[in-house]
Amino acid sequence: MNEQPVGRAIVTFSRGWQTLVAIRSLGQRGVEVITGDHYSMTPGSLSKYSTDKFRYPDPDIDPEGFIDAVEETVLKHKPEDDRPYVLMPIHKESYLIAKHRERFEQHISLALPDIGQIMQVHNKGTLASYAQEAGLPMPRTWIPETVEAFGEQLDEISVPAFVKIRESSSGVGIDKVDTREELEKTFLEFVGQFGLLPGDLPIIQSLVPGDDYCVTTLFNRGQLEACMTYRNLRTYPAKTGPGALRETVDAPAMEKIAGEVLGPLDWHGVAELDFRWDGNAESPPHLIEVNPRFWGGLIQAVESGWDYPWLTFQLASSGKID
């Protein structure tokens, strides 16, 4: 006789390899997992732990249709008993669900920050301003509001540097430049390519020496409950891409900064913070950016003993974790 499931979860972005990690984590613990994506066939939907699947419109093209489809699925699969029932968005569709959380909270549990908190750190411009005001270590950053202001600042910007659009993921809209000529060309290309308007133009960040580190976290109403760090040994693409080979490390200084960044925001749920550090105990690690959602290297955390999907399920359903 099959055992009674310990709960049920709706998981989005089932094409992602990090999502497959989450599906396996929950499924192996007896959670029924319903997987969704705007593609019909995905790694997650083919998992033996996917008990059902659904399709939704592309949230980038039809955000209202996406929310409607997820809400319909939540209502369809709502348990008749009081077993835990959790909505666990994985990628940037998390932001849409957070924005419309009032449509879900009466039917299903979530462990997500508010959309205002998300945008405070997801937008690289507002994050840089927030870090500067809080005195947190971050590479020197220029935040031009207009193309004209960028031109006026051009001579004072140090190179090499990174040009970054303010909202992106997976290395999209980020490029390293070695000269001011490359800087000007890349900046203007990004403005045209991404249709950026004044007030939302790319930022420029000085290159700091060192290796890339990723601090992974889970917060409960501003309290840091779980934290682990890994170092990227290889990235793909090589210059600006996410980690492809990783090593778990001790990083108390970075983890302290992570708490100082998200704790005051009363953060609730997962987040991953990127740092760069040269390994010198005399120099502080530099905060690079915050990913306010699950991250590509989730398998590194789970295999190292930090089972974030299960911890997040616990937090959403009970308000606490082991």
C-alpha atoms as a PDB file:
ATOM      1  CA  MET A   1       0.000   0.000   0.000  1.00  0.00           C
ATOM      2  CA  ASN A   2       1.350   3.442  -0.942  1.00  0.00           C
ATOM      3  CA  GLU A   3       2.098   5.792   1.920  1.00  0.00           C
ATOM      4  CA  GLN A   4       0.078   8.997   2.231  1.00  0.00           C
ATOM      5  CA  PRO A   5       1.987  11.882   0.576  1.00  0.00           C
ATOM      6  CA  VAL A   6       3.493  14.327   3.079  1.00  0.00           C
ATOM      7  CA  GLY A   7       2.227  17.229   0.998  1.00  0.00           C
ATOM      8  CA  ARG A   8       1.841  18.686  -2.468  1.00  0.00           C
ATOM      9  CA  ALA A   9       3.830  21.322  -4.356  1.00  0.00           C
ATOM     10  CA  ILE A  10       3.323  23.319  -7.555  1.00  0.00           C
ATOM     11  CA  VAL A  11       6.723  24.004  -9.151  1.00  0.00           C
ATOM     12  CA  THR A  12       7.335  26.319 -12.132  1.00  0.00           C
ATOM     13  CA  PHE A  13      10.135  26.589 -14.736  1.00  0.00           C
ATOM     14  CA  SER A  14      10.395  22.821 -15.092  1.00  0.00           C
ATOM     15  CA  ARG A  15      12.887  23.198 -17.959  1.00  0.00           C
ATOM     16  CA  GLY A  16      15.599  24.316 -15.511  1.00  0.00           C
ATOM     17  CA  TRP A  17      18.220  21.913 -14.207  1.00  0.00           C
ATOM     18  CA  GLN A  18      17.908  23.605 -10.806  1.00  0.00           C
ATOM     19  CA  THR A  19      14.182  22.823 -10.984  1.00  0.00           C
ATOM     20  CA  LEU A  20      14.935  19.142 -11.552  1.00  0.00           C
ATOM     21  CA  VAL A  21      17.028  19.279  -8.380  1.00  0.00           C
ATOM     22  CA  ALA A  22      14.041  20.744  -6.498  1.00  0.00           C
ATOM     23  CA  ILE A  23      11.616  18.176  -7.926  1.00  0.00           C
ATOM     24  CA  ARG A  24      13.881  15.299  -6.879  1.00  0.00           C
ATOM     25  CA  SER A  25      14.426  16.813  -3.438  1.00  0.00           C
ATOM     26  CA  LEU A  26      10.707  17.100  -2.756  1.00  0.00           C
ATOM     27  CA  GLY A  27       9.694  13.876  -4.473  1.00  0.00           C
ATOM     28  CA  GLN A  28      12.218  11.779  -2.567  1.00  0.00           C
ATOM     29  CA  ARG A  29      10.684  13.073   0.678  1.00  0.00           C
ATOM     30  CA  GLY A  30       7.174  12.027  -0.319  1.00  0.00           C
ATOM     31  CA  VAL A  31       5.869  15.326  -1.697  1.00  0.00           C
ATOM     32  CA  GLU A  32       3.596  15.167  -4.749  1.00  0.00           C
ATOM     33  CA  VAL A  33       5.090  17.559  -7.295  1.00  0.00           C
ATOM     34  CA  ILE A  34       3.070  19.174 -10.113  1.00  0.00           C
ATOM     35  CA  THR A  35       5.448  20.699 -12.666  1.00  0.00           C
ATOM     36  CA  GLY A  36       4.771  23.622 -15.004  1.00  0.00           C
ATOM     37  CA  ASP A  37       6.437  25.473 -17.867  1.00  0.00           C
ATOM     38  CA  HIS A  38       5.492  27.140 -21.138  1.00  0.00           C
ATOM     39  CA  TYR A  39       7.228  24.275 -22.951  1.00  0.00           C
ATOM     40  CA  SER A  40       5.405  20.937 -23.103  1.00  0.00           C
ATOM     41  CA  MET A  41       8.401  18.643 -22.673  1.00  0.00           C
ATOM     42  CA  THR A  42      11.014  19.529 -20.050  1.00  0.00           C
ATOM     43  CA  PRO A  43      13.519  17.706 -17.813  1.00  0.00           C
ATOM     44  CA  GLY A  44      11.245  18.327 -14.829  1.00  0.00           C
ATOM     45  CA  SER A  45       8.074  17.078 -16.494  1.00  0.00           C
ATOM     46  CA  LEU A  46       9.863  13.841 -17.427  1.00  0.00           C
ATOM     47  CA  SER A  47      11.031  13.198 -13.871  1.00  0.00           C
ATOM     48  CA  LYS A  48       9.516  10.150 -12.153  1.00  0.00           C
ATOM     49  CA  TYR A  49       8.697  12.504  -9.266  1.00  0.00           C
ATOM     50  CA  SER A  50       6.449  14.703 -11.437  1.00  0.00           C
ATOM     51  CA  THR A  51       2.956  13.442 -10.605  1.00  0.00           C
ATOM     52  CA  ASP A  52       1.254  15.809 -13.073  1.00  0.00           C
ATOM     53  CA  LYS A  53       2.235  18.668 -15.366  1.00  0.00           C
ATOM     54  CA  PHE A  54       0.684  21.807 -16.827  1.00  0.00           C
ATOM     55  CA  ARG A  55       1.539  24.487 -19.386  1.00  0.00           C
ATOM     56  CA  TYR A  56       1.301  28.216 -18.943  1.00  0.00           C
ATOM     57  CA  PRO A  57       1.804  31.149 -21.329  1.00  0.00           C
ATOM     58  CA  ASP A  58       5.295  32.618 -21.528  1.00  0.00           C
ATOM     59  CA  PRO A  59       5.362  35.039 -18.555  1.00  0.00           C
ATOM     60  CA  ASP A  60       7.624  37.432 -20.498  1.00  0.00           C
ATOM     61  CA  ILE A  61       5.049  37.741 -23.295  1.00  0.00           C
ATOM     62  CA  ASP A  62       1.726  37.221 -21.497  1.00  0.00           C
ATOM     63  CA  PRO A  63       2.155  37.881 -17.760  1.00  0.00           C
ATOM     64  CA  GLU A  64      -1.609  38.041 -17.112  1.00  0.00           C
ATOM     65  CA  GLY A  65      -2.157  34.742 -18.899  1.00  0.00           C
ATOM     66  CA  PHE A  66       0.656  33.207 -16.875  1.00  0.00           C
ATOM     67  CA  ILE A  67      -0.903  34.282 -13.561  1.00  0.00           C
ATOM     68  CA  ASP A  68      -4.336  33.043 -14.679  1.00  0.00           C
ATOM     69  CA  ALA A  69      -2.912  29.634 -15.655  1.00  0.00           C
ATOM     70  CA  VAL A  70      -1.012  29.187 -12.395  1.00  0.00           C
ATOM     71  CA  GLU A  71      -4.061  30.220 -10.363  1.00  0.00           C
ATOM     72  CA  GLU A  72      -6.235  27.739 -12.277  1.00  0.00           C
ATOM     73  CA  THR A  73      -3.705  24.969 -11.593  1.00  0.00           C
ATOM     74  CA  VAL A  74      -3.501  25.868  -7.887  1.00  0.00           C
ATOM     75  CA  LEU A  75      -7.290  25.615  -7.582  1.00  0.00           C
ATOM     76  CA  LYS A  76      -7.447  22.389  -9.596  1.00  0.00           C
ATOM     77  CA  HIS A  77      -4.904  20.557  -7.428  1.00  0.00           C
ATOM     78  CA  LYS A  78      -5.863  21.982  -4.028  1.00  0.00           C
ATOM     79  CA  PRO A  79      -6.004  19.058  -1.556  1.00  0.00           C
ATOM     80  CA  GLU A  80      -9.328  18.298   0.095  1.00  0.00           C
ATOM     81  CA  ASP A  81      -7.582  17.613   3.402  1.00  0.00           C
ATOM     82  CA  ASP A  82      -5.189  19.805   5.398  1.00  0.00           C
ATOM     83  CA  ARG A  83      -1.902  18.395   4.082  1.00  0.00           C
ATOM     84  CA  PRO A  84       0.791  21.033   3.267  1.00  0.00           C
ATOM     85  CA  TYR A  85       0.281  22.664  -0.125  1.00  0.00           C
ATOM     86  CA  VAL A  86       3.077  24.921  -1.421  1.00  0.00           C
ATOM     87  CA  LEU A  87       3.613  27.055  -4.530  1.00  0.00           C
ATOM     88  CA  MET A  88       7.342  27.095  -5.279  1.00  0.00           C
ATOM     89  CA  PRO A  89       8.361  29.276  -8.243  1.00  0.00           C
ATOM     90  CA  ILE A  90      11.952  28.673  -9.295  1.00  0.00           C
ATOM     91  CA  HIS A  91      13.128  31.330 -11.765  1.00  0.00           C
ATOM     92  CA  LYS A  92      12.237  34.944 -12.523  1.00  0.00           C
ATOM     93  CA  GLU A  93       8.514  34.103 -12.748  1.00  0.00           C
ATOM     94  CA  SER A  94       8.848  34.299  -8.954  1.00  0.00           C
ATOM     95  CA  TYR A  95       8.627  38.069  -9.287  1.00  0.00           C
ATOM     96  CA  LEU A  96       5.251  37.944 -11.045  1.00  0.00           C
ATOM     97  CA  ILE A  97       3.860  35.566  -8.451  1.00  0.00           C
ATOM     98  CA  ALA A  98       5.145  37.793  -5.655  1.00  0.00           C
ATOM     99  CA  LYS A  99       3.494  40.783  -7.333  1.00  0.00           C
ATOM    100  CA  HIS A 100       0.136  38.967  -7.462  1.00  0.00           C
ATOM    101  CA  ARG A 101       0.476  36.992  -4.251  1.00  0.00           C
ATOM    102  CA  GLU A 102      -3.004  37.990  -3.047  1.00  0.00           C
ATOM    103  CA  ARG A 103      -4.454  35.708  -5.750  1.00  0.00           C
ATOM    104  CA  PHE A 104      -2.696  32.680  -4.267  1.00  0.00           C
ATOM    105  CA  GLU A 105      -2.272  33.086  -0.517  1.00  0.00           C
ATOM    106  CA  GLN A 106      -5.826  32.065   0.356  1.00  0.00           C
ATOM    107  CA  HIS A 107      -5.374  28.753  -1.480  1.00  0.00           C
ATOM    108  CA  ILE A 108      -1.703  27.768  -1.174  1.00  0.00           C
ATOM    109  CA  SER A 109       1.349  28.551   0.959  1.00  0.00           C
ATOM    110  CA  LEU A 110       4.325  30.592  -0.290  1.00  0.00           C
ATOM    111  CA  ALA A 111       7.743  31.560   1.062  1.00  0.00           C
ATOM    112  CA  LEU A 112       8.441  34.656  -1.025  1.00  0.00           C
ATOM    113  CA  PRO A 113       9.491  38.224  -0.293  1.00  0.00           C
ATOM    114  CA  ASP A 114       7.266  41.070  -1.454  1.00  0.00           C
ATOM    115  CA  ILE A 115       7.786  42.461  -4.954  1.00  0.00           C
ATOM    116  CA  GLY A 116       9.111  45.744  -3.537  1.00  0.00           C
ATOM    117  CA  GLN A 117      11.790  43.884  -1.595  1.00  0.00           C
ATOM    118  CA  ILE A 118      12.655  41.834  -4.677  1.00  0.00           C
ATOM    119  CA  MET A 119      13.105  44.901  -6.881  1.00  0.00           C
ATOM    120  CA  GLN A 120      15.211  46.601  -4.203  1.00  0.00           C
ATOM    121  CA  VAL A 121      17.970  44.046  -4.798  1.00  0.00           C
ATOM    122  CA  HIS A 122      17.210  42.496  -8.199  1.00  0.00           C
ATOM    123  CA  ASN A 123      17.626  45.809 -10.009  1.00  0.00           C
ATOM    124  CA  LYS A 124      21.373  46.357 -10.154  1.00  0.00           C
ATOM    125  CA  GLY A 125      20.950  50.125  -9.995  1.00  0.00           C
ATOM    126  CA  THR A 126      18.849  50.146  -6.825  1.00  0.00           C
ATOM    127  CA  LEU A 127      21.077  47.463  -5.266  1.00  0.00           C
ATOM    128  CA  ALA A 128      24.170  49.612  -5.881  1.00  0.00           C
ATOM    129  CA  SER A 129      22.479  52.635  -4.337  1.00  0.00           C
ATOM    130  CA  TYR A 130      21.306  50.565  -1.363  1.00  0.00           C
ATOM    131  CA  ALA A 131      24.792  49.109  -0.797  1.00  0.00           C
ATOM    132  CA  GLN A 132      26.425  52.546  -1.017  1.00  0.00           C
ATOM    133  CA  GLU A 133      23.987  54.014   1.519  1.00  0.00           C
ATOM    134  CA  ALA A 134      24.498  51.059   3.889  1.00  0.00           C
ATOM    135  CA  GLY A 135      28.285  51.193   3.568  1.00  0.00           C
ATOM    136  CA  LEU A 136      28.514  47.661   2.208  1.00  0.00           C
ATOM    137  CA  PRO A 137      31.607  46.704   0.183  1.00  0.00           C
ATOM    138  CA  MET A 138      30.814  46.837  -3.525  1.00  0.00           C
ATOM    139  CA  PRO A 139      32.922  47.621  -6.598  1.00  0.00           C
ATOM    140  CA  ARG A 140      32.822  51.273  -7.606  1.00  0.00           C
ATOM    141  CA  THR A 141      29.646  51.714  -9.622  1.00  0.00           C
ATOM    142  CA  TRP A 142      28.439  54.398 -12.020  1.00  0.00           C
ATOM    143  CA  ILE A 143      24.678  54.723 -12.491  1.00  0.00           C
ATOM    144  CA  PRO A 144      23.990  57.101 -15.386  1.00  0.00           C
ATOM    145  CA  GLU A 145      20.359  58.161 -15.684  1.00  0.00           C
ATOM    146  CA  THR A 146      20.645  59.470 -19.260  1.00  0.00           C
ATOM    147  CA  VAL A 147      22.891  58.873 -22.281  1.00  0.00           C
ATOM    148  CA  GLU A 148      24.093  62.470 -21.925  1.00  0.00           C
ATOM    149  CA  ALA A 149      25.073  61.846 -18.288  1.00  0.00           C
ATOM    150  CA  PHE A 150      26.970  58.748 -19.375  1.00  0.00           C
ATOM    151  CA  GLY A 151      28.914  60.808 -21.910  1.00  0.00           C
ATOM    152  CA  GLU A 152      29.825  63.352 -19.259  1.00  0.00           C
ATOM    153  CA  GLN A 153      31.061  60.596 -16.913  1.00  0.00           C
ATOM    154  CA  LEU A 154      32.957  58.627 -19.552  1.00  0.00           C
ATOM    155  CA  ASP A 155      36.415  60.066 -18.837  1.00  0.00           C
ATOM    156  CA  GLU A 156      36.199  59.354 -15.097  1.00  0.00           C
ATOM    157  CA  ILE A 157      35.080  55.723 -15.434  1.00  0.00           C
ATOM    158  CA  SER A 158      37.950  53.323 -14.790  1.00  0.00           C
ATOM    159  CA  VAL A 159      38.519  50.350 -17.085  1.00  0.00           C
ATOM    160  CA  PRO A 160      38.530  47.397 -17.285  1.00  0.00           C
ATOM    161  CA  ALA A 161      34.922  47.301 -16.140  1.00  0.00           C
ATOM    162  CA  PHE A 162      31.621  45.506 -16.595  1.00  0.00           C
ATOM    163  CA  VAL A 163      28.620  47.009 -18.368  1.00  0.00           C
ATOM    164  CA  LYS A 164      25.369  45.552 -17.014  1.00  0.00           C
ATOM    165  CA  ILE A 165      21.734  46.110 -17.765  1.00  0.00           C
ATOM    166  CA  ARG A 166      19.851  46.626 -14.515  1.00  0.00           C
ATOM    167  CA  GLU A 167      17.562  43.600 -14.714  1.00  0.00           C
ATOM    168  CA  SER A 168      18.935  40.381 -16.171  1.00  0.00           C
ATOM    169  CA  SER A 169      19.785  36.761 -15.406  1.00  0.00           C
ATOM    170  CA  SER A 170      22.094  33.971 -16.622  1.00  0.00           C
ATOM    171  CA  GLY A 171      24.750  36.391 -17.853  1.00  0.00           C
ATOM    172  CA  VAL A 172      22.446  38.146 -20.350  1.00  0.00           C
ATOM    173  CA  GLY A 173      23.140  41.868 -20.770  1.00  0.00           C
ATOM    174  CA  ILE A 174      26.573  41.762 -19.115  1.00  0.00           C
ATOM    175  CA  ASP A 175      29.845  42.380 -20.932  1.00  0.00           C
ATOM    176  CA  LYS A 176      33.431  43.051 -19.879  1.00  0.00           C
ATOM    177  CA  VAL A 177      35.158  46.028 -21.528  1.00  0.00           C
ATOM    178  CA  ASP A 178      38.872  46.812 -21.463  1.00  0.00           C
ATOM    179  CA  THR A 179      38.950  50.295 -22.995  1.00  0.00           C
ATOM    180  CA  ARG A 180      36.753  53.396 -22.894  1.00  0.00           C
ATOM    181  CA  GLU A 181      36.074  52.920 -26.601  1.00  0.00           C
ATOM    182  CA  GLU A 182      34.685  49.443 -25.880  1.00  0.00           C
ATOM    183  CA  LEU A 183      32.799  50.860 -22.906  1.00  0.00           C
ATOM    184  CA  GLU A 184      31.048  53.533 -24.967  1.00  0.00           C
ATOM    185  CA  LYS A 185      30.245  51.114 -27.794  1.00  0.00           C
ATOM    186  CA  THR A 186      28.872  48.411 -25.475  1.00  0.00           C
ATOM    187  CA  PHE A 187      26.833  50.867 -23.411  1.00  0.00           C
ATOM    188  CA  LEU A 188      25.110  52.322 -26.473  1.00  0.00           C
ATOM    189  CA  GLU A 189      24.600  48.855 -27.995  1.00  0.00           C
ATOM    190  CA  PHE A 190      22.853  47.678 -24.820  1.00  0.00           C
ATOM    191  CA  VAL A 191      20.624  50.765 -24.828  1.00  0.00           C
ATOM    192  CA  GLY A 192      19.473  49.963 -28.364  1.00  0.00           C
ATOM    193  CA  GLN A 193      19.384  46.164 -28.067  1.00  0.00           C
ATOM    194  CA  PHE A 194      17.236  46.133 -24.937  1.00  0.00           C
ATOM    195  CA  GLY A 195      15.215  49.273 -25.700  1.00  0.00           C
ATOM    196  CA  LEU A 196      16.340  50.993 -22.495  1.00  0.00           C
ATOM    197  CA  LEU A 197      14.889  54.365 -21.523  1.00  0.00           C
ATOM    198  CA  PRO A 198      16.326  57.154 -19.312  1.00  0.00           C
ATOM    199  CA  GLY A 199      16.323  56.039 -15.688  1.00  0.00           C
ATOM    200  CA  ASP A 200      16.816  52.397 -16.673  1.00  0.00           C
ATOM    201  CA  LEU A 201      20.136  52.587 -18.532  1.00  0.00           C
ATOM    202  CA  PRO A 202      23.022  50.137 -17.954  1.00  0.00           C
ATOM    203  CA  ILE A 203      25.284  50.554 -14.963  1.00  0.00           C
ATOM    204  CA  ILE A 204      29.085  50.342 -15.108  1.00  0.00           C
ATOM    205  CA  GLN A 205      31.013  48.514 -12.424  1.00  0.00           C
ATOM    206  CA  SER A 206      34.766  48.487 -11.873  1.00  0.00           C
ATOM    207  CA  LEU A 207      36.521  45.157 -12.220  1.00  0.00           C
ATOM    208  CA  VAL A 208      37.824  43.887  -8.884  1.00  0.00           C
ATOM    209  CA  PRO A 209      40.397  41.084  -8.644  1.00  0.00           C
ATOM    210  CA  GLY A 210      39.613  37.646  -7.336  1.00  0.00           C
ATOM    211  CA  ASP A 211      37.333  34.659  -7.813  1.00  0.00           C
ATOM    212  CA  ASP A 212      33.558  34.431  -8.035  1.00  0.00           C
ATOM    213  CA  TYR A 213      31.734  33.247  -4.899  1.00  0.00           C
ATOM    214  CA  CYS A 214      28.034  32.503  -4.454  1.00  0.00           C
ATOM    215  CA  VAL A 215      26.415  32.789  -1.025  1.00  0.00           C
ATOM    216  CA  THR A 216      23.128  30.873  -0.877  1.00  0.00           C
ATOM    217  CA  THR A 217      20.595  31.768   1.808  1.00  0.00           C
ATOM    218  CA  LEU A 218      17.173  31.099   3.270  1.00  0.00           C
ATOM    219  CA  PHE A 219      15.567  33.775   5.469  1.00  0.00           C
ATOM    220  CA  ASN A 220      12.543  33.593   7.746  1.00  0.00           C
ATOM    221  CA  ARG A 221      11.087  37.106   8.118  1.00  0.00           C
ATOM    222  CA  GLY A 222      14.531  38.713   8.141  1.00  0.00           C
ATOM    223  CA  GLN A 223      16.236  35.976  10.171  1.00  0.00           C
ATOM    224  CA  LEU A 224      18.984  34.081   8.355  1.00  0.00           C
ATOM    225  CA  GLU A 225      18.080  30.406   8.846  1.00  0.00           C
ATOM    226  CA  ALA A 226      20.352  28.613   6.369  1.00  0.00           C
ATOM    227  CA  CYS A 227      23.480  29.680   4.509  1.00  0.00           C
ATOM    228  CA  MET A 228      26.206  28.001   2.426  1.00  0.00           C
ATOM    229  CA  THR A 229      28.797  29.273  -0.037  1.00  0.00           C
ATOM    230  CA  TYR A 230      30.484  27.865  -3.104  1.00  0.00           C
ATOM    231  CA  ARG A 231      33.250  29.155  -5.345  1.00  0.00           C
ATOM    232  CA  ASN A 232      33.007  29.000  -9.129  1.00  0.00           C
ATOM    233  CA  LEU A 233      36.020  27.194 -10.599  1.00  0.00           C
ATOM    234  CA  ARG A 234      34.729  27.441 -14.187  1.00  0.00           C
ATOM    235  CA  THR A 235      32.036  29.587 -15.778  1.00  0.00           C
ATOM    236  CA  TYR A 236      30.233  29.364 -19.103  1.00  0.00           C
ATOM    237  CA  PRO A 237      30.471  31.607 -21.057  1.00  0.00           C
ATOM    238  CA  ALA A 238      33.978  32.028 -19.664  1.00  0.00           C
ATOM    239  CA  LYS A 239      33.956  35.793 -19.012  1.00  0.00           C
ATOM    240  CA  THR A 240      30.430  36.550 -17.844  1.00  0.00           C
ATOM    241  CA  GLY A 241      28.487  33.306 -17.519  1.00  0.00           C
ATOM    242  CA  PRO A 242      27.194  31.368 -14.512  1.00  0.00           C
ATOM    243  CA  GLY A 243      29.230  28.706 -12.748  1.00  0.00           C
ATOM    244  CA  ALA A 244      29.750  25.352 -14.456  1.00  0.00           C
ATOM    245  CA  LEU A 245      32.175  23.762 -11.946  1.00  0.00           C
ATOM    246  CA  ARG A 246      31.988  24.629  -8.250  1.00  0.00           C
ATOM    247  CA  GLU A 247      33.607  24.022  -4.875  1.00  0.00           C
ATOM    248  CA  THR A 248      31.905  24.371  -1.483  1.00  0.00           C
ATOM    249  CA  VAL A 249      33.886  26.661   0.842  1.00  0.00           C
ATOM    250  CA  ASP A 250      33.822  28.418   4.213  1.00  0.00           C
ATOM    251  CA  ALA A 251      33.056  32.118   3.803  1.00  0.00           C
ATOM    252  CA  PRO A 252      31.962  33.728   7.095  1.00  0.00           C
ATOM    253  CA  ALA A 253      32.750  37.292   5.967  1.00  0.00           C
ATOM    254  CA  MET A 254      30.549  37.009   2.879  1.00  0.00           C
ATOM    255  CA  GLU A 255      27.765  35.292   4.794  1.00  0.00           C
ATOM    256  CA  LYS A 256      27.816  38.105   7.353  1.00  0.00           C
ATOM    257  CA  ILE A 257      27.387  40.650   4.538  1.00  0.00           C
ATOM    258  CA  ALA A 258      24.526  38.566   3.106  1.00  0.00           C
ATOM    259  CA  GLY A 259      22.713  38.904   6.421  1.00  0.00           C
ATOM    260  CA  GLU A 260      23.393  42.646   6.455  1.00  0.00           C
ATOM    261  CA  VAL A 261      21.979  43.033   2.945  1.00  0.00           C
ATOM    262  CA  LEU A 262      18.744  41.054   3.253  1.00  0.00           C
ATOM    263  CA  GLY A 263      18.054  40.950   6.977  1.00  0.00           C
ATOM    264  CA  PRO A 264      17.065  44.643   7.248  1.00  0.00           C
ATOM    265  CA  LEU A 265      14.663  44.124   4.330  1.00  0.00           C
ATOM    266  CA  ASP A 266      12.769  41.496   6.362  1.00  0.00           C
ATOM    267  CA  TRP A 267      13.552  38.974   3.624  1.00  0.00           C
ATOM    268  CA  HIS A 268      11.447  35.814   3.487  1.00  0.00           C
ATOM    269  CA  GLY A 269      12.551  32.911   1.321  1.00  0.00           C
ATOM    270  CA  VAL A 270      15.660  32.028  -0.673  1.00  0.00           C
ATOM    271  CA  ALA A 271      18.213  34.302  -2.323  1.00  0.00           C
ATOM    272  CA  GLU A 272      21.711  33.949  -3.738  1.00  0.00           C
ATOM    273  CA  LEU A 273      24.332  36.705  -3.526  1.00  0.00           C
ATOM    274  CA  ASP A 274      27.337  36.951  -5.853  1.00  0.00           C
ATOM    275  CA  PHE A 275      30.658  38.129  -4.461  1.00  0.00           C
ATOM    276  CA  ARG A 276      34.177  38.613  -5.767  1.00  0.00           C
ATOM    277  CA  TRP A 277      37.160  38.121  -3.471  1.00  0.00           C
ATOM    278  CA  ASP A 278      40.926  37.807  -3.971  1.00  0.00           C
ATOM    279  CA  GLY A 279      41.438  35.525  -0.969  1.00  0.00           C
ATOM    280  CA  ASN A 280      43.360  38.160   0.994  1.00  0.00           C
ATOM    281  CA  ALA A 281      42.102  38.315   4.578  1.00  0.00           C
ATOM    282  CA  GLU A 282      42.990  42.023   4.649  1.00  0.00           C
ATOM    283  CA  SER A 283      40.676  42.920   1.747  1.00  0.00           C
ATOM    284  CA  PRO A 284      36.880  42.648   2.035  1.00  0.00           C
ATOM    285  CA  PRO A 285      34.809  40.549  -0.352  1.00  0.00           C
ATOM    286  CA  HIS A 286      32.867  42.732  -2.778  1.00  0.00           C
ATOM    287  CA  LEU A 287      29.135  42.265  -3.283  1.00  0.00           C
ATOM    288  CA  ILE A 288      28.358  42.032  -7.007  1.00  0.00           C
ATOM    289  CA  GLU A 289      24.646  41.259  -7.284  1.00  0.00           C
ATOM    290  CA  VAL A 290      21.678  39.491  -5.695  1.00  0.00           C
ATOM    291  CA  ASN A 291      19.505  36.815  -7.298  1.00  0.00           C
ATOM    292  CA  PRO A 292      16.214  36.912  -5.344  1.00  0.00           C
ATOM    293  CA  ARG A 293      15.189  33.352  -6.251  1.00  0.00           C
ATOM    294  CA  PHE A 294      16.599  29.858  -6.620  1.00  0.00           C
ATOM    295  CA  TRP A 295      19.952  29.773  -8.431  1.00  0.00           C
ATOM    296  CA  GLY A 296      21.622  27.739 -11.158  1.00  0.00           C
ATOM    297  CA  GLY A 297      24.044  25.995  -8.768  1.00  0.00           C
ATOM    298  CA  LEU A 298      21.280  24.651  -6.514  1.00  0.00           C
ATOM    299  CA  ILE A 299      22.630  21.119  -6.903  1.00  0.00           C
ATOM    300  CA  GLN A 300      25.897  22.219  -5.244  1.00  0.00           C
ATOM    301  CA  ALA A 301      23.979  23.258  -2.126  1.00  0.00           C
ATOM    302  CA  VAL A 302      21.783  20.153  -1.995  1.00  0.00           C
ATOM    303  CA  GLU A 303      24.671  17.734  -2.518  1.00  0.00           C
ATOM    304  CA  SER A 304      26.636  19.600   0.169  1.00  0.00           C
ATOM    305  CA  GLY A 305      23.857  19.065   2.708  1.00  0.00           C
ATOM    306  CA  TRP A 306      21.767  22.233   2.380  1.00  0.00           C
ATOM    307  CA  ASP A 307      18.491  20.950   0.931  1.00  0.00           C
ATOM    308  CA  TYR A 308      16.940  24.336   0.125  1.00  0.00           C
ATOM    309  CA  PRO A 309      13.846  23.036  -1.727  1.00  0.00           C
ATOM    310  CA  TRP A 310      12.833  20.905   1.262  1.00  0.00           C
ATOM    311  CA  LEU A 311      13.684  23.702   3.717  1.00  0.00           C
ATOM    312  CA  THR A 312      11.624  26.152   1.657  1.00  0.00           C
ATOM    313  CA  PHE A 313       8.712  23.708   1.582  1.00  0.00           C
ATOM    314  CA  GLN A 314       8.921  23.447   5.373  1.00  0.00           C
ATOM    315  CA  LEU A 315       9.113  27.238   5.779  1.00  0.00           C
ATOM    316  CA  ALA A 316       6.144  27.884   3.497  1.00  0.00           C
ATOM    317  CA  SER A 317       3.927  25.216   5.054  1.00  0.00           C
ATOM    318  CA  SER A 318       4.784  25.589   8.749  1.00  0.00           C
ATOM    319  CA  GLY A 319       6.554  28.925   9.196  1.00  0.00           C
ATOM    320  CA  LYS A 320       9.725  27.254  10.476  1.00  0.00           C
ATOM    321  CA  ILE A 321      12.465  24.869   9.350  1.00  0.00           C
ATOM    322  CA  ASP A 322      14.583  22.144  10.938  1.00  0.00           C
END
